[in-house]
Structure formats: C-alpha cells, structure tokens
Amino acid sequence: MVKKGFPAVHFYDQDFVDMYEQTWSWVQDAWYKNKNQDKNGLQEAFLVHPGNSTIDQFEACLSTFFLAYSNNIFPASNVLDNFYGKQEDSGAIRGTYHIDTGTSVLTDDNPESVQPPLFAYAEYNLFHKNGNKKRLKEIVPVLQRYFSWLEENFKTENGLYSVPAEATKMGNSPREAAEYQVDFNSQQAINALYMSALGDILNDKEISFTYKRHYFSLKTRINSQMWDETTGFYHDLDKEGERLPAKTIAGFWTLLAEIPNEAKAVRLIDHLKDPETFGIEHPFPSLSADDPNFVENGGGYRGSVFPAFNFMVVKGLEKYARFELAREAAIRHLYYMLDTLHPEGRDDGNVWEAYHPLKEGHADWDGNAEFPRQLFLPYVGLSTITLIIENVLGLFISLPRKTVDWIMPTLEIMGIENLSLKRNIISILTNKSNRGWEVRLESEKLYYFTINILDEDKKKTLPIPSGKCSMLIEKM
C-alpha cells in the first residue's frame, strides 16, 4: 500500500500499481530539505534530483504535474516559487540556479539562461487541483513581466522566437542549423494560451484579450512558416526562414499548443502511428526513425524515448480527443518502464531518464557515461503517476469546477481512493457484481461526476452527494 495520505490507485495490472506506489517513496527520498534558506533564498523544501547541485526550470514545471497528486504532502508550488522568488527587475527568470548560493547559472551556450516557458501552463493545472485563486492573483503579475522579458529578448522581426539550442532541452538533437525552433515557439504559444486562461479565471478581460492576441499571432506564424504540406509535419527554420528536414519530437509541442487545425492534426498524428517515423516499438522516439541521424540505441536525443516528451505528446493527443491512442501509447510506454524496473532474472532494476527506442532497456549515448540518469524523477513521475491517473485510469479532475470526468475506453476494474480535492476526499472505483458493472463513489462534499465509456458510446453526468453511492452502468 502507498504511505498513509497519498491517493491509492487500482488497476488490473498490479505492476502498474506497485510502480505508482514506489514512485512516492522515491519522491520522499528526493524531497530536498533546505537548511540554507538565508543564503540561497529558496523554498523550505522542494523536489530535486539527488546529487544535483542546481535546480532546473523545465524539470520544476513538469514535476508539478505529478506532485499535484500528492494530497499536498509534497507542495507542488514550492518548485515554482523557487524561480518566482528570483525574478529580476527586467522580468527575467533564469532557467538554472545553484542550490547552495541561489545564484543563476549563465553559460556561453545560453547566456540568458532561458528555458521552455511553461509556468502559466503549470499554474493553470495546479489551479484545477487546488482551486487557489489567491495564488493566481499574486503570480500573474510575475508571469506578465516574464512574458514581456521573453518578447523583448527573443522575439524577432518575423514574429517568431529564436533561442540558443540549449534552451530547447534537447541536447545533441540534429538541429544545429535551427534558428527558429518549433518547440520553443510552440511553448511560447502555450504560455500565451494559458496566460489568457488565467486572465479568464481572474475575470480580467484585459489580460485575457492581450494574451489571446499574442497566442493567435504566434499560432498563425507557426502554421504559415513551419508547417510542411509534403511531410505533414512542423519543422524548425534556419536563418533564412527555410524549413529544415529533420522531424523531431519537438514538432509535437504544436498539439499541446493547439496549433494545427483538424486536417493538419490528422496528418501530424498519423506520424505517431507510423512505424517508419514515430510509431515504433517504444513510442515515441526523440528523432524520427527514418532520419539518417537516428541512432538505434537512442544516442541521446537522436532516438531515445524520454518520459517528459511522451507526457507532452499524450497531453497533446488529449487536446484533439484522441483518448484511445493516448492511453495505448501511455500503457506501452509504461510496460517498457516496467521492463527496466523488474528486469527478467535480475534484481537490479531501475527507472531512467531515457529509454531504448527499439527494445526494452535504457537508452545509451556513446561517449556520455552520465546518460541516462537513474531515478530521474522530474521526468519519471510524469509517467508513473500522472499518466497512470489521467490516461491509464482516465480521470480528469477540476476542483474549482467541482467536476471529475472519467474517460474509459472500455470497462475494467480500476479506480482511485482517498484523493484530496482540498478539503474533500473522494474515491471512485469500478466493480463487477451480480448486478453487472457498477461505479462506487464516496465523497465528503457534493461534486459533479461525468462517466464516458468510449467503446459503449455511453456518457452521463450526475451530481454525487456527500457520503457513499453507486451507479449501475447498464442503467445509464
């Protein structure tokens, strides 16, 4: 069982449950107790990869998507507040800071220490898990200044953004000639999209309109300049604005940013099912399998499968209601993770920062002995916690809306217990009895529950009162 206080998940494959429960133990071990606050100006406690001497913006933003399910045992906001507390007068938030001193890490390859701008996306998700509007009122001005800093320093005359290659967090990906990166531009579109959404939450029409205008402007440029009708893909651009040939995992950030229309989305998503490009044995490689630079053992960012980028692709598929494909990809990915956690005939299993694209096992990068990192929780937890809850089980929760949506491709025995929605603990479980399939629910307060069984074309929303109740699927 998971430690007292964490939500418990139920699934027919106990290995998934065990991996989920084990992750919370790993998080406990990686939860850094900051005894040097006076010197470094960081939060009292936060998640950091053991052995790291720095904190990383990209890792911090992504980690909130699984820390949000800790029932506040590990406050997800702490990892973000580390960065907000370091904002400079210019609006700059640097991507990396030393833990011991709290000073920023600036390099020749990335002199401004810019990283993927995902703060607004992370805050929007946290709001739907904790309903804390007061926090948003305090944070949005910080994010506005940060957005302006990105514009002033990285937006070019053609309306697209150009950042150092290091800012893409894709290491040795064969993108050396990329001047205008499809992932960073899509991430800035995501930034604008969720800044507008935060304005809507705060009922601030000016914020909502301002960032919606930024979003549509960037969306138009990405579609007109980065989409290639021949390849059915979004590509990086070189200095002359010409599309580069490589198809990398970066092109799928456009799904999360809601950039393609349905026609473009169909063609882009087809690549995720194509065994010649991204639909290979272990979905999804960081570089298309038909690229001449693809490396069969992963080769760093030349084919390795990264939990962080798989999370991004799965969340993008949700935007286009491809729930079955999202779940299938999540399950296949998790089984490959299980293969390394419980290797056949050996006891020395582990989970990794990156995985082999063509068979079980971790990826490799010839000449880089430090890759991939073991137990790299900022990436791993996205799969072993978030994808299990949201895509394997299919639960989507919004505290401010008082809603729980359960999207099931098919009926299976599964569910979640003791999930905290602020001051409301809920449990939702399916069970097969002599009366047929039923959903058993328990809650301390009223909320609205939507069940959507895709293969039976059944969908129903009903209010769940406080206490215990059940509903029979056949009577929906």
Protein backbone atom coordinates (compact mmCIF):
# COMPACT_ATOMS: atom_id res chain seq x y z
CA MET A 1 0.00 0.00 0.00
CA VAL A 2 1.07 3.59 -0.51
CA LYS A 3 2.10 5.55 2.52
CA LYS A 4 -0.76 6.98 4.53
CA GLY A 5 -2.03 10.18 2.99
CA PHE A 6 -1.33 9.51 -0.69
CA PRO A 7 -4.10 8.54 -3.10
CA ALA A 8 -4.28 4.80 -3.83
CA VAL A 9 -4.81 3.61 -7.41
CA HIS A 10 -6.45 0.36 -8.52
CA PHE A 11 -5.74 -1.34 -11.83
CA TYR A 12 -5.91 -4.90 -13.11
CA ASP A 13 -2.13 -4.96 -13.63
CA GLN A 14 -0.68 -4.85 -10.12
CA ASP A 15 2.76 -3.97 -11.53
CA PHE A 16 1.42 -0.55 -12.52
CA VAL A 17 0.05 -0.05 -9.01
CA ASP A 18 3.35 -1.10 -7.46
CA MET A 19 5.30 1.28 -9.70
CA TYR A 20 2.94 4.14 -8.80
CA GLU A 21 3.34 3.44 -5.08
CA GLN A 22 7.10 3.08 -5.36
CA THR A 23 7.34 6.49 -7.00
CA TRP A 24 6.01 8.24 -3.90
CA SER A 25 8.77 6.58 -1.89
CA TRP A 26 11.31 7.82 -4.40
CA VAL A 27 9.84 11.33 -4.18
CA GLN A 28 10.19 11.18 -0.40
CA ASP A 29 13.89 10.41 -0.82
CA ALA A 30 14.34 13.22 -3.36
CA TRP A 31 12.43 15.86 -1.34
CA TYR A 32 15.20 18.33 -0.50
CA LYS A 33 15.12 19.90 2.96
CA ASN A 34 16.65 23.34 2.53
CA LYS A 35 18.69 24.24 5.60
CA ASN A 36 20.32 27.20 3.90
CA GLN A 37 17.36 29.49 3.11
CA ASP A 38 19.06 32.61 4.42
CA LYS A 39 21.87 32.13 1.91
CA ASN A 40 20.15 30.71 -1.17
CA GLY A 41 16.71 32.34 -0.88
CA LEU A 42 14.95 29.15 -1.98
CA GLN A 43 11.91 27.40 -0.53
CA GLU A 44 11.99 25.38 2.69
CA ALA A 45 11.62 22.08 0.80
CA PHE A 46 11.35 21.07 -2.84
CA LEU A 47 11.98 18.24 -5.30
CA VAL A 48 15.45 17.92 -6.75
CA HIS A 49 17.23 15.02 -8.44
CA PRO A 50 19.56 13.50 -5.79
CA GLY A 51 23.10 14.66 -6.36
CA ASN A 52 22.06 17.75 -8.34
CA SER A 53 23.73 20.99 -7.30
CA THR A 54 21.25 23.07 -9.30
CA ILE A 55 17.51 23.47 -9.85
CA ASP A 56 16.10 23.49 -13.37
CA GLN A 57 13.05 25.40 -14.64
CA PHE A 58 11.91 22.79 -17.18
CA GLU A 59 12.14 19.99 -14.62
CA ALA A 60 10.38 22.12 -11.99
CA CYS A 61 7.41 22.94 -14.23
CA LEU A 62 6.97 19.34 -15.33
CA SER A 63 7.25 17.93 -11.80
CA THR A 64 4.18 19.91 -10.69
CA PHE A 65 2.01 17.67 -12.87
CA PHE A 66 2.63 14.68 -10.59
CA LEU A 67 3.32 16.48 -7.30
CA ALA A 68 -0.23 17.87 -7.66
CA TYR A 69 -1.46 14.36 -6.80
CA SER A 70 0.46 14.07 -3.52
CA ASN A 71 -2.50 15.36 -1.46
CA ASN A 72 -0.23 18.35 -0.66
CA ILE A 73 2.26 16.15 1.20
CA PHE A 74 4.79 17.49 -1.31
CA PRO A 75 3.57 21.03 -2.18
CA ALA A 76 3.88 21.36 -5.94
CA SER A 77 4.01 25.15 -5.80
CA ASN A 78 7.35 25.12 -3.94
CA VAL A 79 9.34 24.13 -7.02
CA LEU A 80 7.83 27.05 -8.97
CA ASP A 81 8.18 29.59 -6.17
CA ASN A 82 11.93 28.93 -6.16
CA PHE A 83 12.03 30.61 -9.58
CA TYR A 84 9.49 33.37 -8.97
CA GLY A 85 11.47 34.49 -5.93
CA LYS A 86 14.49 35.03 -8.18
CA GLN A 87 12.79 37.24 -10.77
CA GLU A 88 14.94 40.21 -11.77
CA ASP A 89 13.82 43.80 -12.36
CA SER A 90 13.89 43.16 -16.11
CA GLY A 91 11.32 40.39 -15.66
CA ALA A 92 13.95 37.72 -16.31
CA ILE A 93 13.62 34.33 -14.64
CA ARG A 94 16.71 32.25 -15.27
CA GLY A 95 16.38 28.59 -16.11
CA THR A 96 19.01 27.27 -13.69
CA TYR A 97 20.13 28.28 -10.19
CA HIS A 98 22.78 26.93 -7.83
CA ILE A 99 21.18 25.33 -4.77
CA ASP A 100 23.96 26.32 -2.36
CA THR A 101 24.09 30.03 -3.27
CA GLY A 102 20.81 30.67 -5.11
CA THR A 103 22.73 32.41 -7.92
CA SER A 104 21.85 31.91 -11.57
CA VAL A 105 23.83 29.68 -13.91
CA LEU A 106 24.75 31.53 -17.12
CA THR A 107 26.75 29.75 -19.83
CA ASP A 108 28.36 30.74 -23.13
CA ASP A 109 25.87 28.45 -24.91
CA ASN A 110 22.90 30.01 -23.12
CA PRO A 111 23.99 33.43 -21.80
CA GLU A 112 20.49 34.46 -20.67
CA SER A 113 19.73 31.02 -19.19
CA VAL A 114 16.37 30.84 -20.96
CA GLN A 115 14.30 27.66 -20.82
CA PRO A 116 10.88 26.44 -22.05
CA PRO A 117 8.29 28.95 -20.70
CA LEU A 118 5.78 26.57 -19.09
CA PHE A 119 4.99 28.40 -15.84
CA ALA A 120 1.48 29.51 -16.90
CA TYR A 121 0.62 26.01 -18.09
CA ALA A 122 1.78 24.55 -14.77
CA GLU A 123 -0.13 27.17 -12.74
CA TYR A 124 -3.34 26.54 -14.70
CA ASN A 125 -3.09 22.84 -13.95
CA LEU A 126 -2.37 23.47 -10.25
CA PHE A 127 -5.38 25.79 -10.00
CA HIS A 128 -7.64 22.98 -11.19
CA LYS A 129 -6.16 20.72 -8.50
CA ASN A 130 -6.21 23.18 -5.58
CA GLY A 131 -8.64 25.98 -6.53
CA ASN A 132 -6.31 28.64 -5.08
CA LYS A 133 -7.34 31.86 -6.84
CA LYS A 134 -5.46 33.99 -4.31
CA ARG A 135 -2.22 32.44 -5.50
CA LEU A 136 -3.02 33.30 -9.12
CA LYS A 137 -3.60 36.95 -8.23
CA GLU A 138 -0.10 37.07 -6.76
CA ILE A 139 1.60 35.05 -9.50
CA VAL A 140 0.09 36.50 -12.69
CA PRO A 141 2.00 39.85 -12.43
CA VAL A 142 5.23 37.83 -12.14
CA LEU A 143 4.31 35.86 -15.25
CA GLN A 144 3.35 39.02 -17.14
CA ARG A 145 6.80 40.52 -16.55
CA TYR A 146 8.39 37.23 -17.54
CA PHE A 147 6.40 37.09 -20.79
CA SER A 148 7.48 40.65 -21.64
CA TRP A 149 11.14 39.75 -20.97
CA LEU A 150 10.89 36.81 -23.40
CA GLU A 151 9.37 39.09 -26.03
CA GLU A 152 11.97 41.79 -25.65
CA ASN A 153 14.93 39.42 -25.79
CA PHE A 154 13.96 36.55 -28.08
CA LYS A 155 11.20 37.69 -30.44
CA THR A 156 12.48 38.53 -33.91
CA GLU A 157 11.26 40.71 -36.76
CA ASN A 158 9.40 37.84 -38.43
CA GLY A 159 7.26 37.37 -35.30
CA LEU A 160 8.92 34.08 -34.30
CA TYR A 161 11.24 33.45 -31.37
CA SER A 162 14.89 32.46 -31.61
CA VAL A 163 16.74 31.00 -28.62
CA PRO A 164 20.02 29.14 -28.07
CA ALA A 165 19.86 25.40 -28.79
CA GLU A 166 20.47 24.69 -25.09
CA ALA A 167 17.11 26.32 -24.30
CA THR A 168 15.23 23.53 -26.08
CA LYS A 169 16.43 20.90 -23.54
CA MET A 170 17.17 18.54 -26.42
CA GLY A 171 20.94 18.10 -26.08
CA ASN A 172 22.54 16.61 -29.19
CA SER A 173 19.42 16.59 -31.36
CA PRO A 174 20.47 17.17 -35.00
CA ARG A 175 19.09 20.70 -35.06
CA GLU A 176 22.35 22.66 -35.27
CA ALA A 177 21.10 24.87 -38.09
CA ALA A 178 17.81 25.71 -36.34
CA GLU A 179 17.42 29.44 -35.80
CA TYR A 180 13.67 29.43 -35.13
CA GLN A 181 12.81 26.32 -33.09
CA VAL A 182 9.35 24.80 -33.44
CA ASP A 183 9.27 23.65 -29.82
CA PHE A 184 10.18 26.97 -28.20
CA ASN A 185 7.75 28.87 -30.41
CA SER A 186 5.01 26.37 -29.57
CA GLN A 187 5.90 26.61 -25.86
CA GLN A 188 5.59 30.39 -26.02
CA ALA A 189 2.20 29.91 -27.69
CA ILE A 190 1.27 27.61 -24.78
CA ASN A 191 2.49 30.35 -22.43
CA ALA A 192 0.20 32.90 -24.11
CA LEU A 193 -2.73 30.47 -24.29
CA TYR A 194 -2.64 29.76 -20.56
CA MET A 195 -1.91 33.35 -19.58
CA SER A 196 -5.18 34.18 -21.34
CA ALA A 197 -6.88 31.34 -19.46
CA LEU A 198 -5.53 32.66 -16.13
CA GLY A 199 -6.97 36.06 -17.06
CA ASP A 200 -10.36 34.40 -17.58
CA ILE A 201 -10.12 32.74 -14.15
CA LEU A 202 -9.36 36.11 -12.56
CA ASN A 203 -12.15 37.72 -14.61
CA ASP A 204 -9.60 40.15 -16.03
CA LYS A 205 -10.70 40.80 -19.60
CA GLU A 206 -7.64 42.86 -20.45
CA ILE A 207 -5.24 40.04 -19.55
CA SER A 208 -7.42 37.51 -21.33
CA PHE A 209 -7.61 39.55 -24.52
CA THR A 210 -3.95 40.64 -24.54
CA TYR A 211 -2.55 37.14 -24.37
CA LYS A 212 -5.18 35.68 -26.67
CA ARG A 213 -3.96 38.16 -29.28
CA HIS A 214 -0.34 37.08 -28.65
CA TYR A 215 -1.42 33.46 -28.99
CA PHE A 216 -3.25 33.80 -32.31
CA SER A 217 -0.45 35.89 -33.78
CA LEU A 218 2.14 33.22 -32.95
CA LYS A 219 -0.17 30.40 -33.99
CA THR A 220 -0.62 31.98 -37.43
CA ARG A 221 3.13 32.32 -37.93
CA ILE A 222 3.87 28.75 -36.84
CA ASN A 223 1.23 27.42 -39.21
CA SER A 224 2.28 29.55 -42.17
CA GLN A 225 6.06 29.16 -41.81
CA MET A 226 6.78 25.88 -40.01
CA TRP A 227 4.17 23.51 -41.45
CA ASP A 228 5.30 21.43 -44.41
CA GLU A 229 2.48 20.12 -46.58
CA THR A 230 4.69 17.46 -48.14
CA THR A 231 5.91 15.87 -44.90
CA GLY A 232 2.76 16.59 -42.88
CA PHE A 233 4.95 17.93 -40.08
CA TYR A 234 6.09 21.10 -38.29
CA HIS A 235 9.79 21.84 -38.79
CA ASP A 236 12.46 24.15 -37.38
CA LEU A 237 13.58 27.03 -39.60
CA ASP A 238 17.12 28.09 -40.46
CA LYS A 239 18.42 31.69 -40.51
CA GLU A 240 16.85 32.30 -43.92
CA GLY A 241 13.49 31.03 -42.71
CA GLU A 242 13.75 27.81 -44.71
CA ARG A 243 12.35 24.63 -43.19
CA LEU A 244 14.95 22.11 -42.03
CA PRO A 245 14.38 18.45 -42.98
CA ALA A 246 14.62 16.75 -39.56
CA LYS A 247 11.41 15.55 -37.92
CA THR A 248 11.96 15.62 -34.16
CA ILE A 249 9.72 15.14 -31.15
CA ALA A 250 9.77 18.96 -30.91
CA GLY A 251 7.19 19.14 -33.69
CA PHE A 252 4.52 17.64 -31.42
CA TRP A 253 4.56 20.57 -28.99
CA THR A 254 2.23 22.11 -31.56
CA LEU A 255 -0.52 19.68 -30.48
CA LEU A 256 -0.30 20.81 -26.87
CA ALA A 257 -0.39 24.42 -28.11
CA GLU A 258 -3.48 23.64 -30.23
CA ILE A 259 -1.69 24.97 -33.32
CA PRO A 260 -2.89 22.59 -36.11
CA ASN A 261 -6.44 22.57 -37.41
CA GLU A 262 -8.11 19.17 -37.63
CA ALA A 263 -6.78 18.44 -41.12
CA LYS A 264 -3.18 19.17 -40.10
CA ALA A 265 -3.67 17.32 -36.80
CA VAL A 266 -4.74 14.16 -38.63
CA ARG A 267 -1.55 14.15 -40.68
CA LEU A 268 0.67 15.03 -37.71
CA ILE A 269 -0.92 12.34 -35.51
CA ASP A 270 -0.50 9.80 -38.30
CA HIS A 271 3.24 10.04 -37.67
CA LEU A 272 2.65 8.78 -34.13
CA LYS A 273 1.15 5.61 -35.62
CA ASP A 274 3.66 5.20 -38.45
CA PRO A 275 6.38 2.60 -37.65
CA GLU A 276 8.65 4.36 -40.16
CA THR A 277 8.68 7.63 -38.18
CA PHE A 278 7.42 7.83 -34.57
CA GLY A 279 5.13 4.81 -34.11
CA ILE A 280 7.98 2.42 -33.32
CA GLU A 281 8.20 -0.35 -30.71
CA HIS A 282 8.62 2.02 -27.78
CA PRO A 283 6.64 5.19 -28.50
CA PHE A 284 7.79 7.94 -29.08
CA PRO A 285 11.43 8.50 -30.16
CA SER A 286 13.02 11.93 -29.90
CA LEU A 287 14.01 11.73 -33.58
CA SER A 288 12.03 10.21 -36.44
CA ALA A 289 13.15 6.64 -37.15
CA ASP A 290 13.57 7.40 -40.87
CA ASP A 291 16.10 10.18 -40.20
CA PRO A 292 19.69 9.37 -41.26
CA ASN A 293 20.85 10.61 -37.84
CA PHE A 294 18.58 8.18 -35.95
CA VAL A 295 20.63 6.01 -33.55
CA GLU A 296 19.25 2.58 -32.71
CA ASN A 297 20.32 2.64 -29.04
CA GLY A 298 18.91 6.15 -28.58
CA GLY A 299 22.12 8.13 -28.91
CA GLY A 300 20.95 10.83 -26.52
CA TYR A 301 18.37 12.93 -28.35
CA ARG A 302 18.82 11.04 -31.62
CA GLY A 303 16.15 8.45 -30.93
CA SER A 304 15.88 7.91 -27.16
CA VAL A 305 12.40 7.85 -25.62
CA PHE A 306 12.01 10.43 -22.84
CA PRO A 307 9.11 10.26 -20.35
CA ALA A 308 8.91 14.07 -20.40
CA PHE A 309 8.33 14.24 -24.15
CA ASN A 310 5.94 11.27 -24.09
CA PHE A 311 3.92 13.15 -21.48
CA MET A 312 3.82 16.17 -23.79
CA VAL A 313 2.65 14.07 -26.75
CA VAL A 314 -0.06 12.31 -24.72
CA LYS A 315 -1.39 15.63 -23.38
CA GLY A 316 -1.38 16.96 -26.94
CA LEU A 317 -3.41 13.97 -28.14
CA GLU A 318 -5.99 14.74 -25.45
CA LYS A 319 -6.44 18.23 -26.93
CA TYR A 320 -7.64 16.56 -30.13
CA ALA A 321 -9.78 13.94 -28.32
CA ARG A 322 -7.52 11.06 -29.35
CA PHE A 323 -8.08 9.40 -25.98
CA GLU A 324 -7.66 5.80 -27.16
CA LEU A 325 -4.32 6.50 -28.86
CA ALA A 326 -3.15 8.50 -25.83
CA ARG A 327 -3.99 5.63 -23.48
CA GLU A 328 -2.48 2.97 -25.73
CA ALA A 329 0.77 4.94 -26.00
CA ALA A 330 0.88 5.55 -22.24
CA ILE A 331 0.39 1.86 -21.47
CA ARG A 332 3.02 0.71 -23.98
CA HIS A 333 5.49 3.25 -22.58
CA LEU A 334 4.80 2.14 -19.00
CA TYR A 335 5.38 -1.51 -19.88
CA TYR A 336 8.81 -0.61 -21.23
CA MET A 337 9.50 1.23 -17.97
CA LEU A 338 8.43 -1.87 -16.05
CA ASP A 339 10.88 -3.97 -18.06
CA THR A 340 13.78 -1.97 -16.65
CA LEU A 341 12.31 -1.76 -13.16
CA HIS A 342 11.82 -5.53 -12.98
CA PRO A 343 14.39 -6.97 -15.42
CA GLU A 344 13.88 -10.67 -16.03
CA GLY A 345 16.14 -12.83 -13.89
CA ARG A 346 17.80 -9.88 -12.13
CA ASP A 347 17.12 -7.80 -9.04
CA ASP A 348 18.96 -4.61 -10.02
CA GLY A 349 16.08 -2.85 -11.74
CA ASN A 350 15.66 0.90 -12.06
CA VAL A 351 13.80 3.65 -13.90
CA TRP A 352 15.57 6.06 -16.21
CA GLU A 353 15.68 9.49 -17.76
CA ALA A 354 15.52 7.93 -21.25
CA TYR A 355 14.70 4.59 -22.83
CA HIS A 356 15.82 2.47 -25.77
CA PRO A 357 13.54 3.13 -28.76
CA LEU A 358 13.55 -0.36 -30.27
CA LYS A 359 13.64 -2.80 -27.34
CA GLU A 360 13.50 -3.00 -23.56
CA GLY A 361 16.20 -1.24 -21.56
CA HIS A 362 17.53 2.25 -21.04
CA ALA A 363 18.92 4.37 -23.87
CA ASP A 364 22.63 4.96 -24.41
CA TRP A 365 24.72 7.85 -25.68
CA ASP A 366 28.15 6.79 -26.85
CA GLY A 367 30.76 8.96 -25.18
CA ASN A 368 28.41 10.23 -22.49
CA ALA A 369 28.65 7.95 -19.46
CA GLU A 370 26.33 10.18 -17.40
CA PHE A 371 23.38 9.49 -19.71
CA PRO A 372 20.73 8.46 -18.90
CA ARG A 373 20.28 9.38 -15.25
CA GLN A 374 18.79 6.75 -12.92
CA LEU A 375 15.68 7.58 -10.90
CA PHE A 376 15.31 10.90 -12.69
CA LEU A 377 12.02 11.75 -11.01
CA PRO A 378 11.22 15.09 -12.70
CA TYR A 379 10.68 13.02 -15.86
CA VAL A 380 9.81 9.57 -14.48
CA GLY A 381 6.98 10.74 -12.20
CA LEU A 382 5.11 12.15 -15.20
CA SER A 383 4.66 8.58 -16.44
CA THR A 384 4.43 6.56 -13.23
CA ILE A 385 1.97 8.94 -11.52
CA THR A 386 0.34 11.41 -13.92
CA LEU A 387 -0.12 9.16 -16.95
CA ILE A 388 -1.37 6.33 -14.73
CA ILE A 389 -4.03 8.53 -13.10
CA GLU A 390 -5.03 10.61 -16.11
CA ASN A 391 -4.55 8.27 -19.06
CA VAL A 392 -4.47 4.67 -17.84
CA LEU A 393 -7.30 5.22 -15.36
CA GLY A 394 -8.67 8.17 -17.35
CA LEU A 395 -9.50 10.59 -14.53
CA PHE A 396 -9.60 14.35 -15.16
CA ILE A 397 -10.28 16.49 -12.11
CA SER A 398 -11.13 20.16 -11.61
CA LEU A 399 -11.59 21.40 -8.06
CA PRO A 400 -12.94 24.90 -8.91
CA ARG A 401 -15.48 23.41 -11.30
CA LYS A 402 -16.28 20.63 -8.79
CA THR A 403 -16.03 18.10 -11.60
CA VAL A 404 -14.48 14.69 -12.12
CA ASP A 405 -14.51 13.32 -15.67
CA TRP A 406 -13.78 9.63 -16.09
CA ILE A 407 -12.98 8.75 -19.70
CA MET A 408 -12.79 4.97 -20.13
CA PRO A 409 -12.02 3.32 -23.47
CA THR A 410 -13.56 0.14 -22.06
CA LEU A 411 -14.89 -1.18 -18.76
CA GLU A 412 -12.19 -2.55 -16.44
CA ILE A 413 -11.80 -2.94 -12.70
CA MET A 414 -9.91 0.19 -11.69
CA GLY A 415 -10.17 3.47 -9.80
CA ILE A 416 -8.68 5.77 -7.17
CA GLU A 417 -9.15 6.10 -3.41
CA ASN A 418 -8.54 8.92 -0.95
CA LEU A 419 -7.77 11.63 -3.47
CA SER A 420 -7.81 15.00 -1.76
CA LEU A 421 -9.64 17.82 -3.51
CA LYS A 422 -8.65 20.47 -0.99
CA ARG A 423 -10.95 19.67 1.95
CA ASN A 424 -12.84 16.94 0.11
CA ILE A 425 -11.60 13.33 -0.02
CA ILE A 426 -13.07 11.28 -2.87
CA SER A 427 -12.89 7.65 -4.01
CA ILE A 428 -14.09 6.29 -7.36
CA LEU A 429 -13.95 2.57 -8.19
CA THR A 430 -15.47 0.28 -10.79
CA ASN A 431 -16.59 -3.19 -9.81
CA LYS A 432 -18.40 -6.10 -11.43
CA SER A 433 -21.10 -7.62 -9.24
CA ASN A 434 -24.04 -9.96 -9.84
CA ARG A 435 -25.97 -6.86 -10.88
CA GLY A 436 -23.41 -6.05 -13.60
CA TRP A 437 -20.82 -3.27 -13.83
CA GLU A 438 -21.16 -0.51 -11.27
CA VAL A 439 -19.22 2.56 -10.20
CA ARG A 440 -18.88 3.07 -6.45
CA LEU A 441 -18.30 6.60 -5.27
CA GLU A 442 -17.51 8.17 -1.92
CA SER A 443 -17.14 11.86 -1.18
CA GLU A 444 -17.28 14.27 1.74
CA LYS A 445 -18.89 17.01 -0.36
CA LEU A 446 -21.05 17.39 -3.46
CA TYR A 447 -19.33 17.29 -6.86
CA TYR A 448 -20.32 16.51 -10.44
CA PHE A 449 -19.21 13.23 -11.98
CA THR A 450 -19.11 12.52 -15.72
CA ILE A 451 -18.50 8.99 -16.92
CA ASN A 452 -17.69 8.47 -20.60
CA ILE A 453 -17.26 4.86 -21.81
CA LEU A 454 -15.91 5.24 -25.31
CA ASP A 455 -16.41 1.75 -26.73
CA GLU A 456 -20.03 1.60 -25.50
CA ASP A 457 -20.82 5.19 -26.50
CA LYS A 458 -22.18 5.90 -23.03
CA LYS A 459 -21.80 9.26 -21.34
CA LYS A 460 -23.61 10.66 -18.34
CA THR A 461 -23.12 13.49 -15.85
CA LEU A 462 -24.72 13.43 -12.42
CA PRO A 463 -24.25 15.13 -9.06
CA ILE A 464 -22.52 12.99 -6.43
CA PRO A 465 -23.81 13.80 -2.94
CA SER A 466 -21.71 13.54 0.19
CA GLY A 467 -21.38 10.01 1.54
CA LYS A 468 -21.35 6.75 -0.40
CA CYS A 469 -23.31 5.87 -3.52
CA SER A 470 -23.10 3.66 -6.61
CA MET A 471 -24.39 3.67 -10.15
CA LEU A 472 -25.08 0.75 -12.50
CA ILE A 473 -23.53 1.16 -15.95
CA GLU A 474 -26.33 -0.75 -17.67
CA LYS A 475 -28.89 1.82 -16.45
CA MET A 476 -27.00 4.82 -17.85
